[in-house]
Amino acid sequence: MPFHEIELIKKCEEEALNLISEAKKEAEASLSEAEARGREIIRAETERAGEECRQLSASSLEITAQKREKILNEAEIRAETLKKNCAERHEQAVAYIVNTVTGEIHADSGTDVQAYNSGP
């Protein structure tokens, strides 16, 4: 083999090694860039999921507060109705006792007892 061919082979080898080195650097840069993009995607998705979680939590709290308010309002209305019924029955009971004590009713007729027991 002539010296010229050996030099040509060495030159091709050096060029191949340079190309391999450049390809390796490009691959490492691409890998690094892909890792950075992957971390950014994970960060953005984590942030989005956190925001969605906060929104769902706020929505759930709002719904719960509305239901609580409705239950409290219904309970308040029911309590007022019960108070009113109790007051009416109390008045009837007092009137019955007073009438019985003063003798203004006939104890054997049972009409006032029936009126009291029938309720409002």
PDB file of N, CA and C in Angstrom:
ATOM      1  N   MET A   1       0.833  -1.164   0.000  1.00  0.00           N
ATOM      2  CA  MET A   1       0.000   0.000   0.000  1.00  0.00           C
ATOM      3  C   MET A   1       0.889   1.241   0.000  1.00  0.00           C
ATOM      4  N   PRO A   2       0.573   2.127  -0.858  1.00  0.00           N
ATOM      5  CA  PRO A   2       1.385   3.338  -0.914  1.00  0.00           C
ATOM      6  C   PRO A   2       1.086   4.258   0.266  1.00  0.00           C
ATOM      7  N   PHE A   3       2.047   5.067   0.563  1.00  0.00           N
ATOM      8  CA  PHE A   3       1.964   6.006   1.686  1.00  0.00           C
ATOM      9  C   PHE A   3       0.763   6.939   1.540  1.00  0.00           C
ATOM     10  N   HIS A   4       0.486   7.341   0.363  1.00  0.00           N
ATOM     11  CA  HIS A   4      -0.627   8.244   0.084  1.00  0.00           C
ATOM     12  C   HIS A   4      -1.961   7.614   0.515  1.00  0.00           C
ATOM     13  N   GLU A   5      -2.155   6.337   0.246  1.00  0.00           N
ATOM     14  CA  GLU A   5      -3.394   5.653   0.625  1.00  0.00           C
ATOM     15  C   GLU A   5      -3.518   5.540   2.145  1.00  0.00           C
ATOM     16  N   ILE A   6      -2.389   5.307   2.808  1.00  0.00           N
ATOM     17  CA  ILE A   6      -2.395   5.225   4.272  1.00  0.00           C
ATOM     18  C   ILE A   6      -2.790   6.577   4.857  1.00  0.00           C
ATOM     19  N   GLU A   7      -2.237   7.634   4.316  1.00  0.00           N
ATOM     20  CA  GLU A   7      -2.587   8.982   4.781  1.00  0.00           C
ATOM     21  C   GLU A   7      -4.068   9.268   4.538  1.00  0.00           C
ATOM     22  N   LEU A   8      -4.577   8.823   3.424  1.00  0.00           N
ATOM     23  CA  LEU A   8      -5.990   9.017   3.096  1.00  0.00           C
ATOM     24  C   LEU A   8      -6.884   8.249   4.079  1.00  0.00           C
ATOM     25  N   ILE A   9      -6.478   7.029   4.419  1.00  0.00           N
ATOM     26  CA  ILE A   9      -7.233   6.224   5.384  1.00  0.00           C
ATOM     27  C   ILE A   9      -7.208   6.901   6.745  1.00  0.00           C
ATOM     28  N   LYS A  10      -6.047   7.396   7.172  1.00  0.00           N
ATOM     29  CA  LYS A  10      -5.933   8.084   8.467  1.00  0.00           C
ATOM     30  C   LYS A  10      -6.822   9.331   8.487  1.00  0.00           C
ATOM     31  N   LYS A  11      -6.800  10.060   7.381  1.00  0.00           N
ATOM     32  CA  LYS A  11      -7.622  11.261   7.295  1.00  0.00           C
ATOM     33  C   LYS A  11      -9.105  10.894   7.390  1.00  0.00           C
ATOM     34  N   CYS A  12      -9.534   9.839   6.713  1.00  0.00           N
ATOM     35  CA  CYS A  12     -10.931   9.379   6.772  1.00  0.00           C
ATOM     36  C   CYS A  12     -11.287   8.934   8.182  1.00  0.00           C
ATOM     37  N   GLU A  13     -10.316   8.250   8.839  1.00  0.00           N
ATOM     38  CA  GLU A  13     -10.536   7.822  10.224  1.00  0.00           C
ATOM     39  C   GLU A  13     -10.743   9.024  11.136  1.00  0.00           C
ATOM     40  N   GLU A  14      -9.927  10.043  10.982  1.00  0.00           N
ATOM     41  CA  GLU A  14     -10.046  11.258  11.801  1.00  0.00           C
ATOM     42  C   GLU A  14     -11.386  11.950  11.549  1.00  0.00           C
ATOM     43  N   GLU A  15     -11.771  12.015  10.292  1.00  0.00           N
ATOM     44  CA  GLU A  15     -13.058  12.626   9.961  1.00  0.00           C
ATOM     45  C   GLU A  15     -14.209  11.821  10.565  1.00  0.00           C
ATOM     46  N   ALA A  16     -14.114  10.500  10.509  1.00  0.00           N
ATOM     47  CA  ALA A  16     -15.148   9.641  11.085  1.00  0.00           C
ATOM     48  C   ALA A  16     -15.208   9.842  12.598  1.00  0.00           C
ATOM     49  N   LEU A  17     -14.042   9.902  13.241  1.00  0.00           N
ATOM     50  CA  LEU A  17     -14.005  10.133  14.692  1.00  0.00           C
ATOM     51  C   LEU A  17     -14.580  11.505  15.040  1.00  0.00           C
ATOM     52  N   ASN A  18     -14.262  12.500  14.229  1.00  0.00           N
ATOM     53  CA  ASN A  18     -14.826  13.841  14.445  1.00  0.00           C
ATOM     54  C   ASN A  18     -16.347  13.824  14.277  1.00  0.00           C
ATOM     55  N   LEU A  19     -16.821  13.131  13.236  1.00  0.00           N
ATOM     56  CA  LEU A  19     -18.266  13.028  13.019  1.00  0.00           C
ATOM     57  C   LEU A  19     -18.936  12.298  14.180  1.00  0.00           C
ATOM     58  N   ILE A  20     -18.291  11.224  14.661  1.00  0.00           N
ATOM     59  CA  ILE A  20     -18.833  10.487  15.807  1.00  0.00           C
ATOM     60  C   ILE A  20     -18.874  11.387  17.033  1.00  0.00           C
ATOM     61  N   SER A  21     -17.814  12.145  17.250  1.00  0.00           N
ATOM     62  CA  SER A  21     -17.751  13.054  18.400  1.00  0.00           C
ATOM     63  C   SER A  21     -18.831  14.130  18.306  1.00  0.00           C
ATOM     64  N   GLU A  22     -18.999  14.696  17.116  1.00  0.00           N
ATOM     65  CA  GLU A  22     -20.036  15.709  16.922  1.00  0.00           C
ATOM     66  C   GLU A  22     -21.430  15.104  17.110  1.00  0.00           C
ATOM     67  N   ALA A  23     -21.639  13.905  16.581  1.00  0.00           N
ATOM     68  CA  ALA A  23     -22.935  13.234  16.725  1.00  0.00           C
ATOM     69  C   ALA A  23     -23.215  12.957  18.197  1.00  0.00           C
ATOM     70  N   LYS A  24     -22.173  12.552  18.929  1.00  0.00           N
ATOM     71  CA  LYS A  24     -22.334  12.295  20.359  1.00  0.00           C
ATOM     72  C   LYS A  24     -22.704  13.585  21.089  1.00  0.00           C
ATOM     73  N   LYS A  25     -22.037  14.688  20.761  1.00  0.00           N
ATOM     74  CA  LYS A  25     -22.354  15.982  21.386  1.00  0.00           C
ATOM     75  C   LYS A  25     -23.783  16.407  21.052  1.00  0.00           C
ATOM     76  N   GLU A  26     -24.183  16.234  19.795  1.00  0.00           N
ATOM     77  CA  GLU A  26     -25.549  16.585  19.394  1.00  0.00           C
ATOM     78  C   GLU A  26     -26.574  15.708  20.115  1.00  0.00           C
ATOM     79  N   ALA A  27     -26.267  14.426  20.250  1.00  0.00           N
ATOM     80  CA  ALA A  27     -27.176  13.516  20.946  1.00  0.00           C
ATOM     81  C   ALA A  27     -27.297  13.913  22.417  1.00  0.00           C
ATOM     82  N   GLU A  28     -26.173  14.245  23.045  1.00  0.00           N
ATOM     83  CA  GLU A  28     -26.203  14.676  24.443  1.00  0.00           C
ATOM     84  C   GLU A  28     -26.987  15.980  24.597  1.00  0.00           C
ATOM     85  N   ALA A  29     -26.800  16.909  23.657  1.00  0.00           N
ATOM     86  CA  ALA A  29     -27.542  18.170  23.704  1.00  0.00           C
ATOM     87  C   ALA A  29     -29.038  17.915  23.509  1.00  0.00           C
ATOM     88  N   SER A  30     -29.382  17.043  22.564  1.00  0.00           N
ATOM     89  CA  SER A  30     -30.798  16.714  22.335  1.00  0.00           C
ATOM     90  C   SER A  30     -31.399  16.043  23.563  1.00  0.00           C
ATOM     91  N   LEU A  31     -30.636  15.138  24.175  1.00  0.00           N
ATOM     92  CA  LEU A  31     -31.108  14.460  25.376  1.00  0.00           C
ATOM     93  C   LEU A  31     -31.310  15.459  26.514  1.00  0.00           C
ATOM     94  N   SER A  32     -30.366  16.363  26.666  1.00  0.00           N
ATOM     95  CA  SER A  32     -30.474  17.385  27.709  1.00  0.00           C
ATOM     96  C   SER A  32     -31.685  18.283  27.465  1.00  0.00           C
ATOM     97  N   GLU A  33     -31.888  18.656  26.207  1.00  0.00           N
ATOM     98  CA  GLU A  33     -33.040  19.494  25.855  1.00  0.00           C
ATOM     99  C   GLU A  33     -34.352  18.744  26.102  1.00  0.00           C
ATOM    100  N   ALA A  34     -34.390  17.468  25.748  1.00  0.00           N
ATOM    101  CA  ALA A  34     -35.592  16.659  25.967  1.00  0.00           C
ATOM    102  C   ALA A  34     -35.880  16.516  27.460  1.00  0.00           C
ATOM    103  N   GLU A  35     -34.839  16.328  28.259  1.00  0.00           N
ATOM    104  CA  GLU A  35     -35.024  16.238  29.709  1.00  0.00           C
ATOM    105  C   GLU A  35     -35.573  17.551  30.265  1.00  0.00           C
ATOM    106  N   ALA A  36     -35.044  18.669  29.776  1.00  0.00           N
ATOM    107  CA  ALA A  36     -35.522  19.978  30.233  1.00  0.00           C
ATOM    108  C   ALA A  36     -36.986  20.178  29.838  1.00  0.00           C
ATOM    109  N   ARG A  37     -37.325  19.807  28.599  1.00  0.00           N
ATOM    110  CA  ARG A  37     -38.725  19.916  28.172  1.00  0.00           C
ATOM    111  C   ARG A  37     -39.625  19.001  28.995  1.00  0.00           C
ATOM    112  N   GLY A  38     -39.142  17.809  29.284  1.00  0.00           N
ATOM    113  CA  GLY A  38     -39.905  16.871  30.110  1.00  0.00           C
ATOM    114  C   GLY A  38     -40.154  17.438  31.502  1.00  0.00           C
ATOM    115  N   ARG A  39     -39.120  18.024  32.108  1.00  0.00           N
ATOM    116  CA  ARG A  39     -39.288  18.645  33.431  1.00  0.00           C
ATOM    117  C   ARG A  39     -40.276  19.805  33.363  1.00  0.00           C
ATOM    118  N   GLU A  40     -40.225  20.576  32.292  1.00  0.00           N
ATOM    119  CA  GLU A  40     -41.147  21.705  32.134  1.00  0.00           C
ATOM    120  C   GLU A  40     -42.587  21.210  31.976  1.00  0.00           C
ATOM    121  N   ILE A  41     -42.767  20.153  31.201  1.00  0.00           N
ATOM    122  CA  ILE A  41     -44.112  19.581  31.030  1.00  0.00           C
ATOM    123  C   ILE A  41     -44.637  19.074  32.369  1.00  0.00           C
ATOM    124  N   ILE A  42     -43.790  18.373  33.111  1.00  0.00           N
ATOM    125  CA  ILE A  42     -44.194  17.864  34.429  1.00  0.00           C
ATOM    126  C   ILE A  42     -44.549  19.017  35.356  1.00  0.00           C
ATOM    127  N   ARG A  43     -43.734  20.075  35.354  1.00  0.00           N
ATOM    128  CA  ARG A  43     -44.004  21.233  36.205  1.00  0.00           C
ATOM    129  C   ARG A  43     -45.329  21.889  35.829  1.00  0.00           C
ATOM    130  N   ALA A  44     -45.547  22.079  34.521  1.00  0.00           N
ATOM    131  CA  ALA A  44     -46.780  22.725  34.059  1.00  0.00           C
ATOM    132  C   ALA A  44     -48.004  21.868  34.389  1.00  0.00           C
ATOM    133  N   GLU A  45     -47.902  20.566  34.187  1.00  0.00           N
ATOM    134  CA  GLU A  45     -49.029  19.676  34.484  1.00  0.00           C
ATOM    135  C   GLU A  45     -49.296  19.606  35.984  1.00  0.00           C
ATOM    136  N   THR A  46     -48.233  19.615  36.776  1.00  0.00           N
ATOM    137  CA  THR A  46     -48.401  19.618  38.233  1.00  0.00           C
ATOM    138  C   THR A  46     -49.096  20.896  38.674  1.00  0.00           C
ATOM    139  N   GLU A  47     -48.693  22.008  38.104  1.00  0.00           N
ATOM    140  CA  GLU A  47     -49.317  23.296  38.428  1.00  0.00           C
ATOM    141  C   GLU A  47     -50.786  23.309  37.996  1.00  0.00           C
ATOM    142  N   ARG A  48     -51.053  22.801  36.795  1.00  0.00           N
ATOM    143  CA  ARG A  48     -52.427  22.746  36.291  1.00  0.00           C
ATOM    144  C   ARG A  48     -53.292  21.845  37.173  1.00  0.00           C
ATOM    145  N   ALA A  49     -52.749  20.700  37.546  1.00  0.00           N
ATOM    146  CA  ALA A  49     -53.499  19.777  38.405  1.00  0.00           C
ATOM    147  C   ALA A  49     -53.761  20.404  39.776  1.00  0.00           C
ATOM    148  N   GLY A  50     -52.777  21.120  40.297  1.00  0.00           N
ATOM    149  CA  GLY A  50     -52.967  21.805  41.578  1.00  0.00           C
ATOM    150  C   GLY A  50     -54.062  22.857  41.490  1.00  0.00           C
ATOM    151  N   GLU A  51     -54.075  23.611  40.410  1.00  0.00           N
ATOM    152  CA  GLU A  51     -55.104  24.637  40.223  1.00  0.00           C
ATOM    153  C   GLU A  51     -56.479  23.989  40.080  1.00  0.00           C
ATOM    154  N   GLU A  52     -56.540  22.904  39.324  1.00  0.00           N
ATOM    155  CA  GLU A  52     -57.810  22.194  39.161  1.00  0.00           C
ATOM    156  C   GLU A  52     -58.294  21.667  40.509  1.00  0.00           C
ATOM    157  N   CYS A  53     -57.370  21.165  41.300  1.00  0.00           N
ATOM    158  CA  CYS A  53     -57.717  20.663  42.635  1.00  0.00           C
ATOM    159  C   CYS A  53     -58.255  21.798  43.505  1.00  0.00           C
ATOM    160  N   ARG A  54     -57.604  22.961  43.449  1.00  0.00           N
ATOM    161  CA  ARG A  54     -58.074  24.118  44.229  1.00  0.00           C
ATOM    162  C   ARG A  54     -59.467  24.550  43.774  1.00  0.00           C
ATOM    163  N   GLN A  55     -59.704  24.543  42.460  1.00  0.00           N
ATOM    164  CA  GLN A  55     -61.021  24.926  41.943  1.00  0.00           C
ATOM    165  C   GLN A  55     -62.098  23.933  42.374  1.00  0.00           C
ATOM    166  N   LEU A  56     -61.786  22.653  42.293  1.00  0.00           N
ATOM    167  CA  LEU A  56     -62.752  21.638  42.717  1.00  0.00           C
ATOM    168  C   LEU A  56     -63.033  21.744  44.209  1.00  0.00           C
ATOM    169  N   SER A  57     -61.996  22.024  44.972  1.00  0.00           N
ATOM    170  CA  SER A  57     -62.169  22.172  46.417  1.00  0.00           C
ATOM    171  C   SER A  57     -63.046  23.380  46.725  1.00  0.00           C
ATOM    172  N   ALA A  58     -62.786  24.491  46.049  1.00  0.00           N
ATOM    173  CA  ALA A  58     -63.592  25.696  46.265  1.00  0.00           C
ATOM    174  C   ALA A  58     -65.043  25.448  45.854  1.00  0.00           C
ATOM    175  N   SER A  59     -65.229  24.768  44.740  1.00  0.00           N
ATOM    176  CA  SER A  59     -66.581  24.450  44.278  1.00  0.00           C
ATOM    177  C   SER A  59     -67.293  23.548  45.277  1.00  0.00           C
ATOM    178  N   SER A  60     -66.577  22.560  45.778  1.00  0.00           N
ATOM    179  CA  SER A  60     -67.154  21.642  46.766  1.00  0.00           C
ATOM    180  C   SER A  60     -67.522  22.385  48.042  1.00  0.00           C
ATOM    181  N   LEU A  61     -66.645  23.281  48.480  1.00  0.00           N
ATOM    182  CA  LEU A  61     -66.941  24.068  49.681  1.00  0.00           C
ATOM    183  C   LEU A  61     -68.166  24.952  49.470  1.00  0.00           C
ATOM    184  N   GLU A  62     -68.289  25.529  48.289  1.00  0.00           N
ATOM    185  CA  GLU A  62     -69.436  26.385  47.988  1.00  0.00           C
ATOM    186  C   GLU A  62     -70.736  25.573  47.996  1.00  0.00           C
ATOM    187  N   ILE A  63     -70.699  24.406  47.369  1.00  0.00           N
ATOM    188  CA  ILE A  63     -71.889  23.545  47.348  1.00  0.00           C
ATOM    189  C   ILE A  63     -72.251  23.122  48.763  1.00  0.00           C
ATOM    190  N   THR A  64     -71.250  22.751  49.544  1.00  0.00           N
ATOM    191  CA  THR A  64     -71.487  22.343  50.929  1.00  0.00           C
ATOM    192  C   THR A  64     -72.078  23.490  51.736  1.00  0.00           C
ATOM    193  N   ALA A  65     -71.554  24.694  51.547  1.00  0.00           N
ATOM    194  CA  ALA A  65     -72.074  25.860  52.271  1.00  0.00           C
ATOM    195  C   ALA A  65     -73.529  26.132  51.886  1.00  0.00           C
ATOM    196  N   GLN A  66     -73.851  25.989  50.603  1.00  0.00           N
ATOM    197  CA  GLN A  66     -75.229  26.198  50.157  1.00  0.00           C
ATOM    198  C   GLN A  66     -76.169  25.162  50.770  1.00  0.00           C
ATOM    199  N   LYS A  67     -75.732  23.903  50.774  1.00  0.00           N
ATOM    200  CA  LYS A  67     -76.560  22.848  51.367  1.00  0.00           C
ATOM    201  C   LYS A  67     -76.723  23.078  52.868  1.00  0.00           C
ATOM    202  N   ARG A  68     -75.649  23.490  53.522  1.00  0.00           N
ATOM    203  CA  ARG A  68     -75.704  23.773  54.959  1.00  0.00           C
ATOM    204  C   ARG A  68     -76.700  24.894  55.230  1.00  0.00           C
ATOM    205  N   GLU A  69     -76.627  25.944  54.431  1.00  0.00           N
ATOM    206  CA  GLU A  69     -77.531  27.082  54.600  1.00  0.00           C
ATOM    207  C   GLU A  69     -78.980  26.647  54.399  1.00  0.00           C
ATOM    208  N   LYS A  70     -79.222  25.818  53.393  1.00  0.00           N
ATOM    209  CA  LYS A  70     -80.577  25.325  53.131  1.00  0.00           C
ATOM    210  C   LYS A  70     -81.079  24.504  54.318  1.00  0.00           C
ATOM    211  N   ILE A  71     -80.240  23.617  54.833  1.00  0.00           N
ATOM    212  CA  ILE A  71     -80.626  22.787  55.982  1.00  0.00           C
ATOM    213  C   ILE A  71     -80.914  23.660  57.193  1.00  0.00           C
ATOM    214  N   LEU A  72     -80.055  24.656  57.436  1.00  0.00           N
ATOM    215  CA  LEU A  72     -80.276  25.553  58.575  1.00  0.00           C
ATOM    216  C   LEU A  72     -81.574  26.340  58.421  1.00  0.00           C
ATOM    217  N   ASN A  73     -81.850  26.816  57.217  1.00  0.00           N
ATOM    218  CA  ASN A  73     -83.098  27.554  56.976  1.00  0.00           C
ATOM    219  C   ASN A  73     -84.315  26.658  57.204  1.00  0.00           C
ATOM    220  N   GLU A  74     -84.248  25.432  56.686  1.00  0.00           N
ATOM    221  CA  GLU A  74     -85.361  24.505  56.884  1.00  0.00           C
ATOM    222  C   GLU A  74     -85.538  24.177  58.367  1.00  0.00           C
ATOM    223  N   ALA A  75     -84.433  24.001  59.075  1.00  0.00           N
ATOM    224  CA  ALA A  75     -84.504  23.707  60.511  1.00  0.00           C
ATOM    225  C   ALA A  75     -85.085  24.891  61.274  1.00  0.00           C
ATOM    226  N   GLU A  76     -84.712  26.091  60.866  1.00  0.00           N
ATOM    227  CA  GLU A  76     -85.236  27.292  61.523  1.00  0.00           C
ATOM    228  C   GLU A  76     -86.748  27.410  61.300  1.00  0.00           C
ATOM    229  N   ILE A  77     -87.177  27.165  60.082  1.00  0.00           N
ATOM    230  CA  ILE A  77     -88.617  27.207  59.775  1.00  0.00           C
ATOM    231  C   ILE A  77     -89.352  26.145  60.588  1.00  0.00           C
ATOM    232  N   ARG A  78     -88.787  24.950  60.640  1.00  0.00           N
ATOM    233  CA  ARG A  78     -89.405  23.858  61.407  1.00  0.00           C
ATOM    234  C   ARG A  78     -89.456  24.220  62.895  1.00  0.00           C
ATOM    235  N   ALA A  79     -88.387  24.803  63.417  1.00  0.00           N
ATOM    236  CA  ALA A  79     -88.362  25.192  64.831  1.00  0.00           C
ATOM    237  C   ALA A  79     -89.422  26.249  65.120  1.00  0.00           C
ATOM    238  N   GLU A  80     -89.568  27.221  64.214  1.00  0.00           N
ATOM    239  CA  GLU A  80     -90.590  28.255  64.404  1.00  0.00           C
ATOM    240  C   GLU A  80     -91.992  27.642  64.381  1.00  0.00           C
ATOM    241  N   THR A  81     -92.208  26.700  63.471  1.00  0.00           N
ATOM    242  CA  THR A  81     -93.508  26.023  63.402  1.00  0.00           C
ATOM    243  C   THR A  81     -93.783  25.269  64.695  1.00  0.00           C
ATOM    244  N   LEU A  82     -92.774  24.563  65.189  1.00  0.00           N
ATOM    245  CA  LEU A  82     -92.942  23.824  66.441  1.00  0.00           C
ATOM    246  C   LEU A  82     -93.206  24.768  67.610  1.00  0.00           C
ATOM    247  N   LYS A  83     -92.489  25.896  67.652  1.00  0.00           N
ATOM    248  CA  LYS A  83     -92.717  26.881  68.723  1.00  0.00           C
ATOM    249  C   LYS A  83     -94.150  27.394  68.670  1.00  0.00           C
ATOM    250  N   LYS A  84     -94.597  27.711  67.460  1.00  0.00           N
ATOM    251  CA  LYS A  84     -95.947  28.234  67.295  1.00  0.00           C
ATOM    252  C   LYS A  84     -96.973  27.195  67.749  1.00  0.00           C
ATOM    253  N   ASN A  85     -96.803  25.949  67.308  1.00  0.00           N
ATOM    254  CA  ASN A  85     -97.719  24.882  67.704  1.00  0.00           C
ATOM    255  C   ASN A  85     -97.702  24.669  69.212  1.00  0.00           C
ATOM    256  N   CYS A  86     -96.521  24.709  69.795  1.00  0.00           N
ATOM    257  CA  CYS A  86     -96.410  24.532  71.248  1.00  0.00           C
ATOM    258  C   CYS A  86     -97.087  25.681  71.983  1.00  0.00           C
ATOM    259  N   ALA A  87     -96.905  26.896  71.481  1.00  0.00           N
ATOM    260  CA  ALA A  87     -97.522  28.057  72.128  1.00  0.00           C
ATOM    261  C   ALA A  87     -99.044  27.945  72.070  1.00  0.00           C
ATOM    262  N   GLU A  88     -99.571  27.545  70.912  1.00  0.00           N
ATOM    263  CA  GLU A  88    -101.021  27.381  70.778  1.00  0.00           C
ATOM    264  C   GLU A  88    -101.525  26.287  71.713  1.00  0.00           C
ATOM    265  N   ARG A  89    -100.824  25.183  71.759  1.00  0.00           N
ATOM    266  CA  ARG A  89    -101.240  24.077  72.627  1.00  0.00           C
ATOM    267  C   ARG A  89    -101.104  24.479  74.091  1.00  0.00           C
ATOM    268  N   HIS A  90    -100.076  25.277  74.384  1.00  0.00           N
ATOM    269  CA  HIS A  90     -99.891  25.747  75.760  1.00  0.00           C
ATOM    270  C   HIS A  90    -101.073  26.634  76.168  1.00  0.00           C
ATOM    271  N   GLU A  91    -101.451  27.535  75.262  1.00  0.00           N
ATOM    272  CA  GLU A  91    -102.595  28.410  75.550  1.00  0.00           C
ATOM    273  C   GLU A  91    -103.861  27.583  75.767  1.00  0.00           C
ATOM    274  N   GLN A  92    -104.058  26.574  74.935  1.00  0.00           N
ATOM    275  CA  GLN A  92    -105.231  25.712  75.087  1.00  0.00           C
ATOM    276  C   GLN A  92    -105.182  24.964  76.420  1.00  0.00           C
ATOM    277  N   ALA A  93    -104.008  24.483  76.789  1.00  0.00           N
ATOM    278  CA  ALA A  93    -103.874  23.748  78.053  1.00  0.00           C
ATOM    279  C   ALA A  93    -104.152  24.659  79.241  1.00  0.00           C
ATOM    280  N   VAL A  94    -103.616  25.873  79.197  1.00  0.00           N
ATOM    281  CA  VAL A  94    -103.846  26.830  80.287  1.00  0.00           C
ATOM    282  C   VAL A  94    -105.330  27.161  80.374  1.00  0.00           C
ATOM    283  N   ALA A  95    -105.950  27.406  79.225  1.00  0.00           N
ATOM    284  CA  ALA A  95    -107.381  27.725  79.222  1.00  0.00           C
ATOM    285  C   ALA A  95    -108.180  26.557  79.786  1.00  0.00           C
ATOM    286  N   TYR A  96    -107.835  25.357  79.421  1.00  0.00           N
ATOM    287  CA  TYR A  96    -108.537  24.176  79.924  1.00  0.00           C
ATOM    288  C   TYR A  96    -108.387  24.065  81.443  1.00  0.00           C
ATOM    289  N   ILE A  97    -107.157  24.247  81.928  1.00  0.00           N
ATOM    290  CA  ILE A  97    -106.913  24.152  83.377  1.00  0.00           C
ATOM    291  C   ILE A  97    -107.679  25.240  84.118  1.00  0.00           C
ATOM    292  N   VAL A  98    -107.604  26.467  83.605  1.00  0.00           N
ATOM    293  CA  VAL A  98    -108.312  27.579  84.254  1.00  0.00           C
ATOM    294  C   VAL A  98    -109.806  27.307  84.262  1.00  0.00           C
ATOM    295  N   ASN A  99    -110.346  26.886  83.143  1.00  0.00           N
ATOM    296  CA  ASN A  99    -111.783  26.599  83.061  1.00  0.00           C
ATOM    297  C   ASN A  99    -112.172  25.451  83.989  1.00  0.00           C
ATOM    298  N   THR A 100    -111.324  24.456  84.076  1.00  0.00           N
ATOM    299  CA  THR A 100    -111.611  23.326  84.959  1.00  0.00           C
ATOM    300  C   THR A 100    -111.608  23.770  86.416  1.00  0.00           C
ATOM    301  N   VAL A 101    -110.623  24.566  86.771  1.00  0.00           N
ATOM    302  CA  VAL A 101    -110.503  25.025  88.160  1.00  0.00           C
ATOM    303  C   VAL A 101    -111.647  25.966  88.517  1.00  0.00           C
ATOM    304  N   THR A 102    -112.007  26.839  87.622  1.00  0.00           N
ATOM    305  CA  THR A 102    -113.072  27.800  87.917  1.00  0.00           C
ATOM    306  C   THR A 102    -114.451  27.195  87.737  1.00  0.00           C
ATOM    307  N   GLY A 103    -114.518  25.995  87.194  1.00  0.00           N
ATOM    308  CA  GLY A 103    -115.789  25.311  87.044  1.00  0.00           C
ATOM    309  C   GLY A 103    -116.608  25.795  85.879  1.00  0.00           C
ATOM    310  N   GLU A 104    -116.015  26.409  84.894  1.00  0.00           N
ATOM    311  CA  GLU A 104    -116.768  26.941  83.769  1.00  0.00           C
ATOM    312  C   GLU A 104    -117.063  25.892  82.708  1.00  0.00           C
ATOM    313  N   ILE A 105    -116.583  24.690  82.886  1.00  0.00           N
ATOM    314  CA  ILE A 105    -116.907  23.634  81.927  1.00  0.00           C
ATOM    315  C   ILE A 105    -117.538  22.480  82.674  1.00  0.00           C
ATOM    316  N   HIS A 106    -118.176  21.678  81.954  1.00  0.00           N
ATOM    317  CA  HIS A 106    -118.758  20.475  82.541  1.00  0.00           C
ATOM    318  C   HIS A 106    -117.715  19.377  82.445  1.00  0.00           C
ATOM    319  N   ALA A 107    -117.273  18.905  83.555  1.00  0.00           N
ATOM    320  CA  ALA A 107    -116.204  17.918  83.602  1.00  0.00           C
ATOM    321  C   ALA A 107    -116.572  16.641  82.877  1.00  0.00           C
ATOM    322  N   ASP A 108    -117.851  16.311  82.818  1.00  0.00           N
ATOM    323  CA  ASP A 108    -118.236  15.058  82.194  1.00  0.00           C
ATOM    324  C   ASP A 108    -118.526  15.192  80.699  1.00  0.00           C
ATOM    325  N   SER A 109    -118.556  16.407  80.161  1.00  0.00           N
ATOM    326  CA  SER A 109    -118.890  16.557  78.745  1.00  0.00           C
ATOM    327  C   SER A 109    -117.748  16.114  77.846  1.00  0.00           C
ATOM    328  N   GLY A 110    -116.507  16.372  78.247  1.00  0.00           N
ATOM    329  CA  GLY A 110    -115.344  15.965  77.466  1.00  0.00           C
ATOM    330  C   GLY A 110    -115.100  16.790  76.224  1.00  0.00           C
ATOM    331  N   THR A 111    -115.879  17.832  75.978  1.00  0.00           N
ATOM    332  CA  THR A 111    -115.693  18.619  74.757  1.00  0.00           C
ATOM    333  C   THR A 111    -114.394  19.394  74.788  1.00  0.00           C
ATOM    334  N   ASP A 112    -114.066  19.971  75.932  1.00  0.00           N
ATOM    335  CA  ASP A 112    -112.809  20.716  76.008  1.00  0.00           C
ATOM    336  C   ASP A 112    -111.610  19.773  75.945  1.00  0.00           C
ATOM    337  N   VAL A 113    -111.737  18.592  76.514  1.00  0.00           N
ATOM    338  CA  VAL A 113    -110.650  17.617  76.454  1.00  0.00           C
ATOM    339  C   VAL A 113    -110.429  17.190  75.015  1.00  0.00           C
ATOM    340  N   GLN A 114    -111.505  16.974  74.296  1.00  0.00           N
ATOM    341  CA  GLN A 114    -111.377  16.585  72.896  1.00  0.00           C
ATOM    342  C   GLN A 114    -110.758  17.716  72.080  1.00  0.00           C
ATOM    343  N   ALA A 115    -111.144  18.933  72.356  1.00  0.00           N
ATOM    344  CA  ALA A 115    -110.580  20.080  71.639  1.00  0.00           C
ATOM    345  C   ALA A 115    -109.093  20.193  71.929  1.00  0.00           C
ATOM    346  N   TYR A 116    -108.722  19.963  73.182  1.00  0.00           N
ATOM    347  CA  TYR A 116    -107.304  20.053  73.548  1.00  0.00           C
ATOM    348  C   TYR A 116    -106.502  18.930  72.891  1.00  0.00           C
ATOM    349  N   ASN A 117    -107.019  17.738  72.926  1.00  0.00           N
ATOM    350  CA  ASN A 117    -106.293  16.584  72.395  1.00  0.00           C
ATOM    351  C   ASN A 117    -106.225  16.574  70.873  1.00  0.00           C
ATOM    352  N   SER A 118    -107.129  17.247  70.213  1.00  0.00           N
ATOM    353  CA  SER A 118    -107.129  17.234  68.747  1.00  0.00           C
ATOM    354  C   SER A 118    -105.983  18.046  68.178  1.00  0.00           C
ATOM    355  N   GLY A 119    -105.480  19.005  68.940  1.00  0.00           N
ATOM    356  CA  GLY A 119    -104.334  19.809  68.498  1.00  0.00           C
ATOM    357  C   GLY A 119    -104.716  20.810  67.437  1.00  0.00           C
ATOM    358  N   PRO A 120    -103.747  21.595  67.031  1.00  0.00           N
ATOM    359  CA  PRO A 120    -104.008  22.645  66.039  1.00  0.00           C
ATOM    360  C   PRO A 120    -104.165  22.092  64.648  1.00  0.00           C
TER     361      PRO A 120
END
